[in-house]
Amino acid sequence: RDVEQALVVGDEARDLLTAARPGTAGTGPGADTGPGAWAGAGREQVREAHTALRALAPRIADPALRAELLEVCGLLASRPAERPAGQPVALAPRELDVLAWVAAGATNAAAAERLGLRPETVKGYLRSAMRRLGARTRGEAVVAARRAGLLP
């Protein structure tokens, strides 16, 4: 069962990474695969891939594979040119998981269901992340996390 789960997760991760690479999304007839296309729709696909990969990570039993997957999430999120100078913001992994779902448009209840948590727990993680990011709203927290390079 563990091997089957690892294979399924590996396939899903590969598919998401393929979709997140420039030039692979929307490659059908008439699709715009130039740099402008990557900046528009591709960026949203990277965000969706990041959210999905972060949701898969807790389901992986192998610690090395889980760490590798989270490292890939970090690569998707990091945009060094946009990182502000100064004190880096550090969020707990679950705070980042919740923020990734909020960034994807999920409600607290939907994020809770995807992450296997209670809605009140999601609300607590979100409140903590907002406090660390200096944000007053969910939207501000997502923007701050993106500017800090924590989310794509």
Protein backbone atom coordinates (compact mmCIF):
# COMPACT_ATOMS: atom_id res chain seq x y z
CA ARG A 1 0.00 0.00 0.00
CA ASP A 2 2.85 2.40 0.84
CA VAL A 3 4.58 1.65 -2.46
CA GLU A 4 1.32 2.16 -4.35
CA GLN A 5 0.76 5.47 -2.56
CA ALA A 6 4.32 6.61 -3.30
CA LEU A 7 3.87 5.76 -6.99
CA VAL A 8 0.59 7.65 -7.20
CA VAL A 9 2.07 10.67 -5.44
CA GLY A 10 5.14 10.52 -7.69
CA ASP A 11 2.96 10.45 -10.81
CA GLU A 12 0.85 13.37 -9.58
CA ALA A 13 3.96 15.38 -8.70
CA ARG A 14 5.50 14.67 -12.11
CA ASP A 15 2.32 15.75 -13.88
CA LEU A 16 2.12 18.95 -11.85
CA LEU A 17 5.76 19.80 -12.45
CA THR A 18 5.36 19.16 -16.17
CA ALA A 19 2.34 21.46 -16.25
CA ALA A 20 4.25 24.13 -14.31
CA ARG A 21 7.21 24.26 -16.71
CA PRO A 22 7.21 27.07 -19.29
CA GLY A 23 6.11 25.96 -22.72
CA THR A 24 4.34 22.77 -21.59
CA ALA A 25 1.01 24.25 -20.57
CA GLY A 26 -1.44 25.05 -23.30
CA THR A 27 0.66 23.60 -26.12
CA GLY A 28 -2.29 22.78 -28.32
CA PRO A 29 -3.02 24.42 -31.67
CA GLY A 30 -3.06 28.19 -31.43
CA ALA A 31 -1.73 28.24 -27.87
CA ASP A 32 0.56 31.08 -26.95
CA THR A 33 3.70 29.52 -25.47
CA GLY A 34 5.88 32.61 -25.56
CA PRO A 35 7.20 34.49 -22.52
CA GLY A 36 3.98 36.47 -22.18
CA ALA A 37 1.93 33.29 -21.85
CA TRP A 38 4.18 32.08 -19.02
CA ALA A 39 3.71 35.38 -17.20
CA GLY A 40 -0.09 35.12 -17.40
CA ALA A 41 -1.77 31.75 -17.28
CA GLY A 42 1.44 29.87 -16.50
CA ARG A 43 1.92 31.73 -13.25
CA GLU A 44 -1.49 30.59 -12.10
CA GLN A 45 -0.62 27.00 -13.02
CA VAL A 46 2.56 27.27 -10.94
CA ARG A 47 0.46 28.48 -8.02
CA GLU A 48 -1.98 25.60 -8.42
CA ALA A 49 0.88 23.10 -8.72
CA HIS A 50 2.50 24.51 -5.56
CA THR A 51 -0.75 24.20 -3.63
CA ALA A 52 -1.34 20.64 -4.83
CA LEU A 53 2.23 19.56 -4.06
CA ARG A 54 2.02 21.00 -0.54
CA ALA A 55 -1.23 19.08 -0.04
CA LEU A 56 0.44 15.84 -1.21
CA ALA A 57 3.48 16.15 1.04
CA PRO A 58 1.85 15.08 4.33
CA ARG A 59 0.54 11.89 2.64
CA ILE A 60 4.05 10.67 1.81
CA ALA A 61 5.40 8.19 4.36
CA ASP A 62 9.02 8.28 3.14
CA PRO A 63 10.72 11.25 4.88
CA ALA A 64 13.33 11.66 2.14
CA LEU A 65 10.72 11.78 -0.61
CA ARG A 66 8.57 14.17 1.45
CA ALA A 67 11.57 16.47 1.99
CA GLU A 68 12.37 16.38 -1.73
CA LEU A 69 8.78 17.28 -2.59
CA LEU A 70 8.80 20.19 -0.14
CA GLU A 71 12.11 21.33 -1.65
CA VAL A 72 10.42 21.43 -5.05
CA CYS A 73 7.63 23.49 -3.48
CA GLY A 74 10.30 25.90 -2.31
CA LEU A 75 11.69 26.14 -5.84
CA LEU A 76 8.24 26.91 -7.20
CA ALA A 77 7.72 29.59 -4.57
CA SER A 78 11.11 31.28 -4.61
CA ARG A 79 11.59 34.26 -6.79
CA PRO A 80 14.82 35.82 -5.50
CA ALA A 81 14.45 39.00 -7.54
CA GLU A 82 11.25 39.82 -5.68
CA ARG A 83 12.41 39.06 -2.15
CA PRO A 84 12.52 42.20 -0.02
CA ALA A 85 15.65 43.08 1.86
CA GLY A 86 15.43 42.90 5.63
CA GLN A 87 14.09 40.42 8.13
CA PRO A 88 12.92 37.23 6.40
CA VAL A 89 9.49 35.96 7.36
CA ALA A 90 9.31 32.39 8.61
CA LEU A 91 6.03 30.49 8.64
CA ALA A 92 5.32 27.08 10.06
CA PRO A 93 4.70 24.40 7.42
CA ARG A 94 0.99 24.16 8.26
CA GLU A 95 0.62 27.95 8.14
CA LEU A 96 2.10 27.82 4.66
CA ASP A 97 -0.21 24.94 3.68
CA VAL A 98 -3.24 26.94 4.80
CA LEU A 99 -2.02 30.08 3.02
CA ALA A 100 -1.47 28.11 -0.19
CA TRP A 101 -5.10 26.97 -0.12
CA VAL A 102 -6.32 30.47 0.73
CA ALA A 103 -4.27 31.80 -2.20
CA ALA A 104 -6.01 29.25 -4.42
CA GLY A 105 -9.37 30.68 -3.31
CA ALA A 106 -10.38 28.04 -0.78
CA THR A 107 -12.59 28.86 2.17
CA ASN A 108 -11.49 27.83 5.65
CA ALA A 109 -13.84 24.83 5.46
CA ALA A 110 -12.49 23.75 2.05
CA ALA A 111 -8.88 24.14 3.20
CA ALA A 112 -9.67 22.16 6.33
CA GLU A 113 -11.17 19.33 4.29
CA ARG A 114 -8.17 19.16 1.93
CA LEU A 115 -5.65 19.28 4.78
CA GLY A 116 -7.51 16.92 7.11
CA LEU A 117 -7.98 19.58 9.77
CA ARG A 118 -10.91 21.22 11.52
CA PRO A 119 -12.03 24.62 10.20
CA GLU A 120 -11.20 26.19 13.57
CA THR A 121 -7.64 24.87 13.29
CA VAL A 122 -7.31 26.33 9.80
CA LYS A 123 -8.58 29.65 11.13
CA GLY A 124 -5.94 29.56 13.88
CA TYR A 125 -3.12 28.81 11.43
CA LEU A 126 -4.34 31.57 9.14
CA ARG A 127 -4.56 34.05 12.01
CA SER A 128 -1.01 33.15 13.09
CA ALA A 129 0.32 33.51 9.53
CA MET A 130 -1.40 36.87 9.16
CA ARG A 131 0.16 38.07 12.41
CA ARG A 132 3.65 36.98 11.32
CA LEU A 133 3.20 38.60 7.91
CA GLY A 134 1.76 41.81 9.35
CA ALA A 135 -1.47 41.37 7.39
CA ARG A 136 -4.99 42.32 8.43
CA THR A 137 -6.89 40.33 5.82
CA ARG A 138 -6.59 37.00 4.02
CA GLY A 139 -5.77 38.78 0.78
CA GLU A 140 -3.03 40.87 2.39
CA ALA A 141 -1.53 37.71 3.88
CA VAL A 142 -1.37 36.05 0.45
CA VAL A 143 0.23 39.11 -1.11
CA ALA A 144 2.75 39.39 1.72
CA ALA A 145 3.63 35.69 1.45
CA ARG A 146 4.17 36.06 -2.29
CA ARG A 147 6.35 39.12 -1.83
CA ALA A 148 8.38 37.21 0.75
CA GLY A 149 8.85 34.38 -1.75
CA LEU A 150 6.90 31.91 0.38
CA LEU A 151 4.20 31.35 -2.26
CA PRO A 152 4.42 31.47 -6.03
